Amino acid sequence: MSKSLHKRLMGTSLLLLGVVAPSIMLASPSTAVQFPDGRTAFNSPPRLIEAESSYTQQNVPSTYYFTLKIPANAGEPLKAIKIAQRENVETISYGGNSTRAFQGSRWARGTQFSLTPVGGSTEPGAMTVVFDSPVQPGETITVALKAKNNPTFGGIYHFGVTAYPAGDKSIGQFLGYARLSFYAD
């Protein structure tokens, strides 16, 4: 093969590789992390964006809003979220039947998600929210927990947020602590 023909073939090959490879990489969906024992985890976990309370006064009924962003490259849809109050002077109780979840934020609500009832006892101050159909990557969602009452004792309360991908053997990813403050009138 002549040197000029070889250079032209190499140039054409590199040109095709430069055009085809990026489009293949963009078209490939991100996959979850798979462990040899069958457990799955997020490729890129959701992010806890915001947490707020509908009322900050002590000892009044309130709703706590936790907003999460599921990245497009999460690799797995979101199946469940556990919100657990960190130990404090007082443990907050929730009205489990009043829990809601919807697309968007507290102030820009979208479609409401259907939730699966979770039976059995949970640890005090904790609530697990399970979606009937997993929430797809790329979504921003808000979980609204109805507290029976804000704490009687004001102060700062922390809530650990853990996200679970879809799958029978999914591994939860701790997203961090949300902080809510409650004040005397």
N, C-alpha and C. Protein backbone atom coordinates (compact mmCIF):
# COMPACT_ATOMS: atom_id res chain seq x y z
N MET A 1 0.85 -1.15 0.00
CA MET A 1 0.00 0.00 0.00
C MET A 1 0.91 1.23 0.00
N SER A 2 0.54 2.21 -0.81
CA SER A 2 1.36 3.41 -0.90
C SER A 2 1.16 4.27 0.33
N LYS A 3 2.16 5.13 0.59
CA LYS A 3 2.10 6.01 1.76
C LYS A 3 0.93 6.98 1.68
N SER A 4 0.64 7.51 0.50
CA SER A 4 -0.46 8.47 0.37
C SER A 4 -1.81 7.79 0.60
N LEU A 5 -1.99 6.56 0.08
CA LEU A 5 -3.24 5.83 0.31
C LEU A 5 -3.40 5.50 1.80
N HIS A 6 -2.29 5.10 2.42
CA HIS A 6 -2.31 4.78 3.84
C HIS A 6 -2.69 6.02 4.67
N LYS A 7 -2.16 7.20 4.34
CA LYS A 7 -2.48 8.44 5.05
C LYS A 7 -3.95 8.80 4.88
N ARG A 8 -4.47 8.61 3.64
CA ARG A 8 -5.88 8.92 3.41
C ARG A 8 -6.79 7.99 4.20
N LEU A 9 -6.48 6.70 4.24
CA LEU A 9 -7.29 5.75 5.00
C LEU A 9 -7.24 6.06 6.50
N MET A 10 -6.06 6.39 6.98
CA MET A 10 -5.93 6.74 8.40
C MET A 10 -6.73 8.00 8.71
N GLY A 11 -6.65 9.00 7.84
CA GLY A 11 -7.40 10.24 8.04
C GLY A 11 -8.89 10.00 8.05
N THR A 12 -9.37 9.19 7.11
CA THR A 12 -10.79 8.86 7.02
C THR A 12 -11.23 8.07 8.26
N SER A 13 -10.39 7.11 8.68
CA SER A 13 -10.72 6.31 9.87
C SER A 13 -10.82 7.19 11.10
N LEU A 14 -9.87 8.11 11.28
CA LEU A 14 -9.89 9.00 12.43
C LEU A 14 -11.10 9.93 12.38
N LEU A 15 -11.44 10.39 11.17
CA LEU A 15 -12.61 11.26 11.01
C LEU A 15 -13.88 10.52 11.42
N LEU A 16 -14.04 9.28 10.92
CA LEU A 16 -15.22 8.47 11.28
C LEU A 16 -15.25 8.18 12.77
N LEU A 17 -14.11 7.86 13.33
CA LEU A 17 -14.03 7.58 14.76
C LEU A 17 -14.41 8.83 15.56
N GLY A 18 -13.99 9.99 15.11
CA GLY A 18 -14.31 11.25 15.78
C GLY A 18 -15.78 11.59 15.71
N VAL A 19 -16.48 11.13 14.67
CA VAL A 19 -17.90 11.41 14.51
C VAL A 19 -18.75 10.35 15.20
N VAL A 20 -18.40 9.08 15.05
CA VAL A 20 -19.21 7.98 15.54
C VAL A 20 -19.04 7.77 17.05
N ALA A 21 -17.84 7.82 17.57
CA ALA A 21 -17.59 7.52 18.98
C ALA A 21 -18.37 8.44 19.91
N PRO A 22 -18.33 9.77 19.71
CA PRO A 22 -19.10 10.62 20.64
C PRO A 22 -20.60 10.35 20.58
N SER A 23 -21.13 10.07 19.41
CA SER A 23 -22.57 9.82 19.33
C SER A 23 -22.93 8.51 20.01
N ILE A 24 -22.05 7.53 19.96
CA ILE A 24 -22.31 6.27 20.66
C ILE A 24 -22.27 6.50 22.16
N MET A 25 -21.29 7.29 22.62
CA MET A 25 -21.17 7.56 24.05
C MET A 25 -22.36 8.36 24.55
N LEU A 26 -22.86 9.31 23.76
CA LEU A 26 -24.02 10.10 24.17
C LEU A 26 -25.29 9.28 24.18
N ALA A 27 -25.40 8.32 23.29
CA ALA A 27 -26.61 7.51 23.18
C ALA A 27 -26.66 6.41 24.23
N SER A 28 -25.51 6.04 24.80
CA SER A 28 -25.47 4.96 25.77
C SER A 28 -26.02 5.43 27.10
N PRO A 29 -27.02 4.75 27.63
CA PRO A 29 -27.53 5.15 28.93
C PRO A 29 -26.52 4.80 30.02
N SER A 30 -26.52 5.58 31.07
CA SER A 30 -25.65 5.32 32.20
C SER A 30 -26.24 4.13 32.95
N THR A 31 -25.39 3.22 33.35
CA THR A 31 -25.89 2.05 34.06
C THR A 31 -25.48 2.13 35.52
N ALA A 32 -26.25 1.46 36.35
CA ALA A 32 -26.00 1.45 37.78
C ALA A 32 -24.74 0.66 38.09
N VAL A 33 -24.21 0.90 39.27
CA VAL A 33 -23.08 0.13 39.75
C VAL A 33 -23.62 -1.25 40.14
N GLN A 34 -23.01 -2.29 39.60
CA GLN A 34 -23.42 -3.67 39.88
C GLN A 34 -22.31 -4.37 40.65
N PHE A 35 -22.64 -4.97 41.80
CA PHE A 35 -21.67 -5.72 42.58
C PHE A 35 -21.80 -7.20 42.25
N PRO A 36 -20.73 -7.98 42.44
CA PRO A 36 -20.77 -9.42 42.11
C PRO A 36 -21.89 -10.18 42.82
N ASP A 37 -22.29 -9.75 44.01
CA ASP A 37 -23.35 -10.46 44.74
C ASP A 37 -24.76 -10.04 44.33
N GLY A 38 -24.88 -9.21 43.28
CA GLY A 38 -26.19 -8.80 42.77
C GLY A 38 -26.71 -7.48 43.31
N ARG A 39 -26.02 -6.88 44.27
CA ARG A 39 -26.46 -5.60 44.80
C ARG A 39 -26.24 -4.50 43.76
N THR A 40 -27.11 -3.48 43.79
CA THR A 40 -26.97 -2.35 42.87
C THR A 40 -26.90 -1.05 43.67
N ALA A 41 -26.25 -0.07 43.07
CA ALA A 41 -26.13 1.26 43.68
C ALA A 41 -26.22 2.30 42.57
N PHE A 42 -26.47 3.52 42.96
CA PHE A 42 -26.51 4.61 41.98
C PHE A 42 -25.13 4.81 41.38
N ASN A 43 -25.09 5.08 40.09
CA ASN A 43 -23.85 5.48 39.43
C ASN A 43 -23.49 6.89 39.91
N SER A 44 -24.49 7.75 39.99
CA SER A 44 -24.36 9.10 40.51
C SER A 44 -25.59 9.34 41.38
N PRO A 45 -25.42 9.46 42.70
CA PRO A 45 -26.59 9.51 43.59
C PRO A 45 -27.36 10.82 43.49
N PRO A 46 -28.62 10.80 43.91
CA PRO A 46 -29.41 12.03 43.98
C PRO A 46 -28.73 13.03 44.92
N ARG A 47 -29.13 14.29 44.78
CA ARG A 47 -28.62 15.35 45.66
C ARG A 47 -29.77 15.93 46.46
N LEU A 48 -29.52 16.15 47.72
CA LEU A 48 -30.48 16.84 48.58
C LEU A 48 -30.32 18.32 48.30
N ILE A 49 -31.34 18.95 47.73
CA ILE A 49 -31.25 20.34 47.31
C ILE A 49 -31.73 21.29 48.39
N GLU A 50 -32.84 20.92 49.05
CA GLU A 50 -33.45 21.86 49.98
C GLU A 50 -34.33 21.12 50.98
N ALA A 51 -34.46 21.71 52.17
CA ALA A 51 -35.40 21.22 53.17
C ALA A 51 -36.01 22.44 53.85
N GLU A 52 -37.33 22.42 54.03
CA GLU A 52 -37.99 23.53 54.70
C GLU A 52 -39.27 23.04 55.37
N SER A 53 -39.75 23.84 56.30
CA SER A 53 -40.95 23.53 57.05
C SER A 53 -42.03 24.55 56.73
N SER A 54 -43.28 24.10 56.67
CA SER A 54 -44.36 25.04 56.39
C SER A 54 -44.55 26.03 57.54
N TYR A 55 -44.25 25.63 58.75
CA TYR A 55 -44.32 26.51 59.92
C TYR A 55 -43.08 26.29 60.77
N THR A 56 -42.53 27.35 61.30
CA THR A 56 -41.33 27.23 62.13
C THR A 56 -41.62 27.45 63.61
N GLN A 57 -42.88 27.73 63.96
CA GLN A 57 -43.24 27.90 65.36
C GLN A 57 -43.22 26.55 66.07
N GLN A 58 -42.91 26.60 67.35
CA GLN A 58 -42.91 25.38 68.16
C GLN A 58 -44.32 24.85 68.34
N ASN A 59 -44.44 23.54 68.43
CA ASN A 59 -45.64 22.84 68.85
C ASN A 59 -46.89 23.14 68.01
N VAL A 60 -46.74 23.30 66.71
CA VAL A 60 -47.88 23.44 65.80
C VAL A 60 -47.75 22.38 64.69
N PRO A 61 -48.87 21.91 64.14
CA PRO A 61 -48.78 20.97 63.02
C PRO A 61 -48.05 21.63 61.84
N SER A 62 -47.27 20.85 61.12
CA SER A 62 -46.47 21.40 60.04
C SER A 62 -46.18 20.31 59.01
N THR A 63 -45.74 20.73 57.85
CA THR A 63 -45.29 19.80 56.82
C THR A 63 -43.84 20.10 56.51
N TYR A 64 -43.03 19.05 56.44
CA TYR A 64 -41.60 19.20 56.14
C TYR A 64 -41.38 18.78 54.69
N TYR A 65 -40.73 19.63 53.93
CA TYR A 65 -40.50 19.39 52.50
C TYR A 65 -39.01 19.11 52.27
N PHE A 66 -38.73 17.98 51.62
CA PHE A 66 -37.37 17.59 51.28
C PHE A 66 -37.29 17.46 49.76
N THR A 67 -36.47 18.30 49.12
CA THR A 67 -36.37 18.31 47.66
C THR A 67 -35.06 17.68 47.22
N LEU A 68 -35.16 16.75 46.26
CA LEU A 68 -34.00 16.03 45.74
C LEU A 68 -33.93 16.14 44.22
N LYS A 69 -32.75 16.15 43.69
CA LYS A 69 -32.51 16.13 42.24
C LYS A 69 -31.86 14.80 41.91
N ILE A 70 -32.50 14.04 41.02
CA ILE A 70 -31.94 12.77 40.57
C ILE A 70 -31.19 13.06 39.28
N PRO A 71 -29.87 12.93 39.27
CA PRO A 71 -29.12 13.29 38.07
C PRO A 71 -29.46 12.38 36.89
N ALA A 72 -29.29 12.91 35.69
CA ALA A 72 -29.57 12.15 34.47
C ALA A 72 -28.68 10.92 34.38
N ASN A 73 -27.50 10.97 34.98
CA ASN A 73 -26.58 9.83 34.91
C ASN A 73 -26.62 8.98 36.18
N ALA A 74 -27.76 8.96 36.87
CA ALA A 74 -27.90 8.18 38.10
C ALA A 74 -27.70 6.69 37.86
N GLY A 75 -28.05 6.22 36.68
CA GLY A 75 -27.87 4.80 36.36
C GLY A 75 -29.04 3.92 36.76
N GLU A 76 -29.79 4.32 37.75
CA GLU A 76 -30.97 3.59 38.23
C GLU A 76 -32.01 4.62 38.64
N PRO A 77 -33.29 4.28 38.50
CA PRO A 77 -34.32 5.18 39.03
C PRO A 77 -34.36 5.10 40.56
N LEU A 78 -34.98 6.08 41.17
CA LEU A 78 -35.13 6.15 42.62
C LEU A 78 -36.35 5.36 43.05
N LYS A 79 -36.18 4.44 43.99
CA LYS A 79 -37.29 3.61 44.46
C LYS A 79 -37.81 4.06 45.83
N ALA A 80 -36.91 4.52 46.72
CA ALA A 80 -37.34 4.87 48.08
C ALA A 80 -36.42 5.92 48.68
N ILE A 81 -36.95 6.61 49.69
CA ILE A 81 -36.20 7.60 50.44
C ILE A 81 -36.49 7.36 51.91
N LYS A 82 -35.44 7.36 52.72
CA LYS A 82 -35.62 7.27 54.17
C LYS A 82 -35.16 8.60 54.76
N ILE A 83 -36.02 9.17 55.60
CA ILE A 83 -35.72 10.42 56.29
C ILE A 83 -35.76 10.10 57.78
N ALA A 84 -34.62 10.29 58.45
CA ALA A 84 -34.52 9.91 59.86
C ALA A 84 -33.99 11.08 60.67
N GLN A 85 -34.76 11.47 61.67
CA GLN A 85 -34.35 12.56 62.55
C GLN A 85 -33.14 12.12 63.37
N ARG A 86 -32.15 12.98 63.41
CA ARG A 86 -31.00 12.74 64.26
C ARG A 86 -31.44 12.98 65.70
N GLU A 87 -30.89 12.22 66.64
CA GLU A 87 -31.30 12.32 68.04
C GLU A 87 -31.23 13.76 68.52
N ASN A 88 -32.28 14.16 69.25
CA ASN A 88 -32.38 15.51 69.77
C ASN A 88 -33.18 15.47 71.06
N VAL A 89 -33.51 16.61 71.62
CA VAL A 89 -34.27 16.69 72.87
C VAL A 89 -35.61 16.00 72.73
N GLU A 90 -36.20 16.09 71.56
CA GLU A 90 -37.55 15.57 71.32
C GLU A 90 -37.58 14.84 69.98
N THR A 91 -38.37 13.77 69.91
CA THR A 91 -38.53 13.02 68.67
C THR A 91 -39.84 13.43 68.01
N ILE A 92 -39.79 13.76 66.73
CA ILE A 92 -40.96 14.21 65.98
C ILE A 92 -41.73 13.00 65.46
N SER A 93 -43.06 13.06 65.56
CA SER A 93 -43.93 12.00 65.04
C SER A 93 -44.58 12.49 63.75
N TYR A 94 -44.80 11.55 62.81
CA TYR A 94 -45.38 11.89 61.51
C TYR A 94 -46.73 11.24 61.34
N GLY A 95 -47.58 11.85 60.51
CA GLY A 95 -48.84 11.25 60.09
C GLY A 95 -48.58 10.52 58.79
N GLY A 96 -48.27 9.24 58.86
CA GLY A 96 -47.85 8.46 57.69
C GLY A 96 -48.80 8.51 56.51
N ASN A 97 -50.10 8.56 56.77
CA ASN A 97 -51.08 8.58 55.67
C ASN A 97 -51.11 9.92 54.94
N SER A 98 -50.48 10.93 55.53
CA SER A 98 -50.48 12.26 54.92
C SER A 98 -49.24 12.54 54.09
N THR A 99 -48.34 11.57 53.99
CA THR A 99 -47.10 11.76 53.23
C THR A 99 -47.41 11.84 51.74
N ARG A 100 -46.77 12.81 51.07
CA ARG A 100 -46.95 12.99 49.63
C ARG A 100 -45.59 13.15 48.97
N ALA A 101 -45.57 12.95 47.67
CA ALA A 101 -44.37 13.21 46.87
C ALA A 101 -44.82 13.70 45.50
N PHE A 102 -44.09 14.66 44.96
CA PHE A 102 -44.48 15.23 43.67
C PHE A 102 -43.25 15.74 42.93
N GLN A 103 -43.39 15.92 41.62
CA GLN A 103 -42.33 16.49 40.80
C GLN A 103 -42.14 17.95 41.18
N GLY A 104 -40.90 18.42 41.06
CA GLY A 104 -40.63 19.82 41.29
C GLY A 104 -40.36 20.13 42.75
N SER A 105 -40.56 21.39 43.11
CA SER A 105 -40.28 21.87 44.46
C SER A 105 -41.58 22.20 45.19
N ARG A 106 -41.44 22.62 46.42
CA ARG A 106 -42.62 22.99 47.21
C ARG A 106 -43.43 24.07 46.52
N TRP A 107 -42.76 25.03 45.89
CA TRP A 107 -43.44 26.18 45.29
C TRP A 107 -43.74 25.99 43.81
N ALA A 108 -43.19 24.98 43.19
CA ALA A 108 -43.45 24.70 41.77
C ALA A 108 -43.78 23.22 41.63
N ARG A 109 -44.95 22.85 42.10
CA ARG A 109 -45.35 21.44 42.15
C ARG A 109 -45.80 20.94 40.79
N GLY A 110 -45.39 19.72 40.51
CA GLY A 110 -45.83 19.04 39.29
C GLY A 110 -46.68 17.84 39.65
N THR A 111 -46.62 16.85 38.84
CA THR A 111 -47.40 15.62 39.00
C THR A 111 -47.09 14.95 40.34
N GLN A 112 -48.14 14.50 41.00
CA GLN A 112 -47.97 13.78 42.26
C GLN A 112 -47.63 12.33 41.97
N PHE A 113 -46.73 11.75 42.77
CA PHE A 113 -46.34 10.34 42.64
C PHE A 113 -47.20 9.49 43.56
N SER A 114 -47.51 8.31 43.11
CA SER A 114 -48.24 7.36 43.93
C SER A 114 -47.22 6.64 44.83
N LEU A 115 -47.58 6.50 46.11
CA LEU A 115 -46.66 5.89 47.08
C LEU A 115 -47.19 4.55 47.54
N THR A 116 -46.28 3.64 47.86
CA THR A 116 -46.61 2.33 48.39
C THR A 116 -46.67 2.40 49.90
N PRO A 117 -47.75 1.95 50.52
CA PRO A 117 -47.80 1.95 51.99
C PRO A 117 -46.70 1.03 52.55
N VAL A 118 -46.03 1.49 53.59
CA VAL A 118 -44.99 0.69 54.23
C VAL A 118 -45.52 0.28 55.59
N GLY A 119 -45.62 -1.02 55.82
CA GLY A 119 -46.14 -1.52 57.08
C GLY A 119 -45.03 -1.75 58.09
N GLY A 120 -45.42 -2.18 59.26
CA GLY A 120 -44.45 -2.49 60.31
C GLY A 120 -43.97 -1.25 61.02
N SER A 121 -43.22 -1.49 62.07
CA SER A 121 -42.74 -0.36 62.86
C SER A 121 -41.44 0.18 62.27
N THR A 122 -41.26 1.46 62.43
CA THR A 122 -40.01 2.08 62.01
C THR A 122 -39.36 2.67 63.24
N GLU A 123 -38.14 3.09 63.09
CA GLU A 123 -37.47 3.72 64.23
C GLU A 123 -38.12 5.07 64.51
N PRO A 124 -38.16 5.47 65.77
CA PRO A 124 -38.78 6.77 66.11
C PRO A 124 -38.10 7.92 65.36
N GLY A 125 -38.92 8.83 64.85
CA GLY A 125 -38.40 9.98 64.12
C GLY A 125 -38.01 9.69 62.69
N ALA A 126 -38.30 8.48 62.21
CA ALA A 126 -37.92 8.10 60.84
C ALA A 126 -39.16 7.79 60.00
N MET A 127 -39.04 8.02 58.72
CA MET A 127 -40.11 7.72 57.78
C MET A 127 -39.46 7.23 56.48
N THR A 128 -39.96 6.11 55.96
CA THR A 128 -39.50 5.61 54.67
C THR A 128 -40.62 5.81 53.66
N VAL A 129 -40.28 6.43 52.54
CA VAL A 129 -41.23 6.71 51.47
C VAL A 129 -40.84 5.84 50.28
N VAL A 130 -41.78 4.98 49.83
CA VAL A 130 -41.52 4.07 48.71
C VAL A 130 -42.45 4.44 47.56
N PHE A 131 -41.88 4.61 46.39
CA PHE A 131 -42.65 4.98 45.20
C PHE A 131 -43.24 3.74 44.54
N ASP A 132 -44.53 3.81 44.14
CA ASP A 132 -45.15 2.70 43.42
C ASP A 132 -44.35 2.38 42.16
N SER A 133 -44.05 3.41 41.40
CA SER A 133 -43.21 3.29 40.20
C SER A 133 -41.96 4.12 40.45
N PRO A 134 -40.78 3.54 40.26
CA PRO A 134 -39.55 4.29 40.52
C PRO A 134 -39.50 5.61 39.73
N VAL A 135 -38.89 6.60 40.33
CA VAL A 135 -38.75 7.93 39.72
C VAL A 135 -37.52 7.92 38.83
N GLN A 136 -37.70 8.31 37.58
CA GLN A 136 -36.64 8.22 36.58
C GLN A 136 -35.55 9.28 36.78
N PRO A 137 -34.32 8.96 36.36
CA PRO A 137 -33.24 9.94 36.42
C PRO A 137 -33.61 11.21 35.64
N GLY A 138 -33.07 12.33 36.11
CA GLY A 138 -33.34 13.62 35.49
C GLY A 138 -34.46 14.39 36.16
N GLU A 139 -35.16 13.78 37.10
CA GLU A 139 -36.29 14.42 37.78
C GLU A 139 -35.85 15.17 39.03
N THR A 140 -36.58 16.21 39.37
CA THR A 140 -36.48 16.86 40.67
C THR A 140 -37.78 16.53 41.39
N ILE A 141 -37.66 16.04 42.62
CA ILE A 141 -38.85 15.62 43.37
C ILE A 141 -38.83 16.24 44.76
N THR A 142 -40.01 16.32 45.35
CA THR A 142 -40.15 16.78 46.72
C THR A 142 -41.00 15.78 47.49
N VAL A 143 -40.52 15.42 48.67
CA VAL A 143 -41.28 14.57 49.59
C VAL A 143 -41.81 15.48 50.69
N ALA A 144 -43.10 15.39 50.97
CA ALA A 144 -43.75 16.21 51.99
C ALA A 144 -44.20 15.30 53.14
N LEU A 145 -43.56 15.46 54.30
CA LEU A 145 -43.91 14.69 55.49
C LEU A 145 -44.75 15.56 56.41
N LYS A 146 -45.89 15.07 56.80
CA LYS A 146 -46.78 15.81 57.70
C LYS A 146 -46.40 15.45 59.13
N ALA A 147 -45.86 16.44 59.86
CA ALA A 147 -45.53 16.24 61.27
C ALA A 147 -46.79 16.47 62.10
N LYS A 148 -47.02 15.62 63.09
CA LYS A 148 -48.18 15.83 63.96
C LYS A 148 -48.05 17.19 64.64
N ASN A 149 -46.86 17.53 65.08
CA ASN A 149 -46.55 18.84 65.65
C ASN A 149 -45.06 19.09 65.51
N ASN A 150 -44.71 20.36 65.36
CA ASN A 150 -43.30 20.73 65.48
C ASN A 150 -42.88 20.45 66.91
N PRO A 151 -41.58 20.36 67.17
CA PRO A 151 -41.13 20.09 68.54
C PRO A 151 -41.60 21.15 69.53
N THR A 152 -41.84 20.73 70.76
CA THR A 152 -42.21 21.65 71.83
C THR A 152 -41.02 22.52 72.20
N PHE A 153 -39.83 21.94 72.09
CA PHE A 153 -38.59 22.65 72.39
C PHE A 153 -37.99 23.14 71.08
N GLY A 154 -37.83 24.44 70.97
CA GLY A 154 -37.25 25.00 69.75
C GLY A 154 -35.79 24.61 69.57
N GLY A 155 -35.25 25.02 68.45
CA GLY A 155 -33.85 24.73 68.17
C GLY A 155 -33.67 24.20 66.76
N ILE A 156 -32.50 23.68 66.52
CA ILE A 156 -32.15 23.13 65.20
C ILE A 156 -32.28 21.62 65.26
N TYR A 157 -32.99 21.07 64.29
CA TYR A 157 -33.18 19.63 64.18
C TYR A 157 -32.61 19.17 62.84
N HIS A 158 -31.87 18.05 62.89
CA HIS A 158 -31.25 17.50 61.67
C HIS A 158 -31.97 16.21 61.27
N PHE A 159 -32.10 16.03 59.96
CA PHE A 159 -32.76 14.85 59.39
C PHE A 159 -31.84 14.23 58.35
N GLY A 160 -31.40 12.99 58.60
CA GLY A 160 -30.57 12.28 57.63
C GLY A 160 -31.44 11.78 56.50
N VAL A 161 -30.98 11.97 55.25
CA VAL A 161 -31.74 11.57 54.07
C VAL A 161 -30.92 10.52 53.30
N THR A 162 -31.54 9.35 53.08
CA THR A 162 -30.91 8.26 52.35
C THR A 162 -31.79 7.88 51.17
N ALA A 163 -31.19 7.73 49.99
CA ALA A 163 -31.93 7.37 48.77
C ALA A 163 -31.58 5.93 48.38
N TYR A 164 -32.60 5.21 47.88
CA TYR A 164 -32.43 3.81 47.47
C TYR A 164 -32.81 3.66 46.00
N PRO A 165 -31.92 3.06 45.19
CA PRO A 165 -32.27 2.83 43.79
C PRO A 165 -33.24 1.65 43.67
N ALA A 166 -33.83 1.51 42.49
CA ALA A 166 -34.71 0.38 42.23
C ALA A 166 -33.88 -0.90 42.26
N GLY A 167 -34.52 -2.00 42.54
CA GLY A 167 -33.84 -3.30 42.56
C GLY A 167 -34.04 -4.00 43.89
N ASP A 168 -34.01 -5.33 43.83
CA ASP A 168 -34.24 -6.12 45.03
C ASP A 168 -33.12 -5.99 46.05
N LYS A 169 -31.90 -5.83 45.57
CA LYS A 169 -30.74 -5.75 46.47
C LYS A 169 -30.07 -4.39 46.34
N SER A 170 -30.84 -3.33 46.45
CA SER A 170 -30.27 -2.00 46.26
C SER A 170 -29.58 -1.52 47.54
N ILE A 171 -28.54 -0.74 47.35
CA ILE A 171 -27.78 -0.17 48.46
C ILE A 171 -28.16 1.30 48.59
N GLY A 172 -28.56 1.69 49.77
CA GLY A 172 -28.91 3.08 50.01
C GLY A 172 -27.69 3.99 49.99
N GLN A 173 -27.89 5.20 49.52
CA GLN A 173 -26.83 6.21 49.48
C GLN A 173 -27.23 7.35 50.41
N PHE A 174 -26.44 7.58 51.47
CA PHE A 174 -26.71 8.68 52.39
C PHE A 174 -26.41 9.98 51.67
N LEU A 175 -27.40 10.90 51.62
CA LEU A 175 -27.26 12.15 50.88
C LEU A 175 -26.83 13.32 51.76
N GLY A 176 -26.94 13.16 53.06
CA GLY A 176 -26.55 14.22 53.98
C GLY A 176 -27.67 14.56 54.94
N TYR A 177 -27.44 15.62 55.71
CA TYR A 177 -28.42 16.05 56.69
C TYR A 177 -29.14 17.30 56.22
N ALA A 178 -30.47 17.27 56.37
CA ALA A 178 -31.29 18.45 56.15
C ALA A 178 -31.43 19.11 57.52
N ARG A 179 -31.51 20.42 57.53
CA ARG A 179 -31.57 21.17 58.78
C ARG A 179 -32.84 22.00 58.82
N LEU A 180 -33.64 21.80 59.87
CA LEU A 180 -34.84 22.61 60.09
C LEU A 180 -34.73 23.29 61.45
N SER A 181 -35.13 24.55 61.52
CA SER A 181 -35.08 25.32 62.76
C SER A 181 -36.49 25.66 63.22
N PHE A 182 -36.72 25.55 64.54
CA PHE A 182 -38.02 25.86 65.11
C PHE A 182 -37.83 26.89 66.22
N TYR A 183 -38.79 27.84 66.31
CA TYR A 183 -38.65 28.99 67.20
C TYR A 183 -39.88 29.16 68.08
N ALA A 184 -39.67 29.82 69.23
CA ALA A 184 -40.79 30.20 70.10
C ALA A 184 -41.48 31.40 69.47
N ASP A 185 -42.79 31.52 69.73
CA ASP A 185 -43.54 32.66 69.17
C ASP A 185 -43.03 33.98 69.67
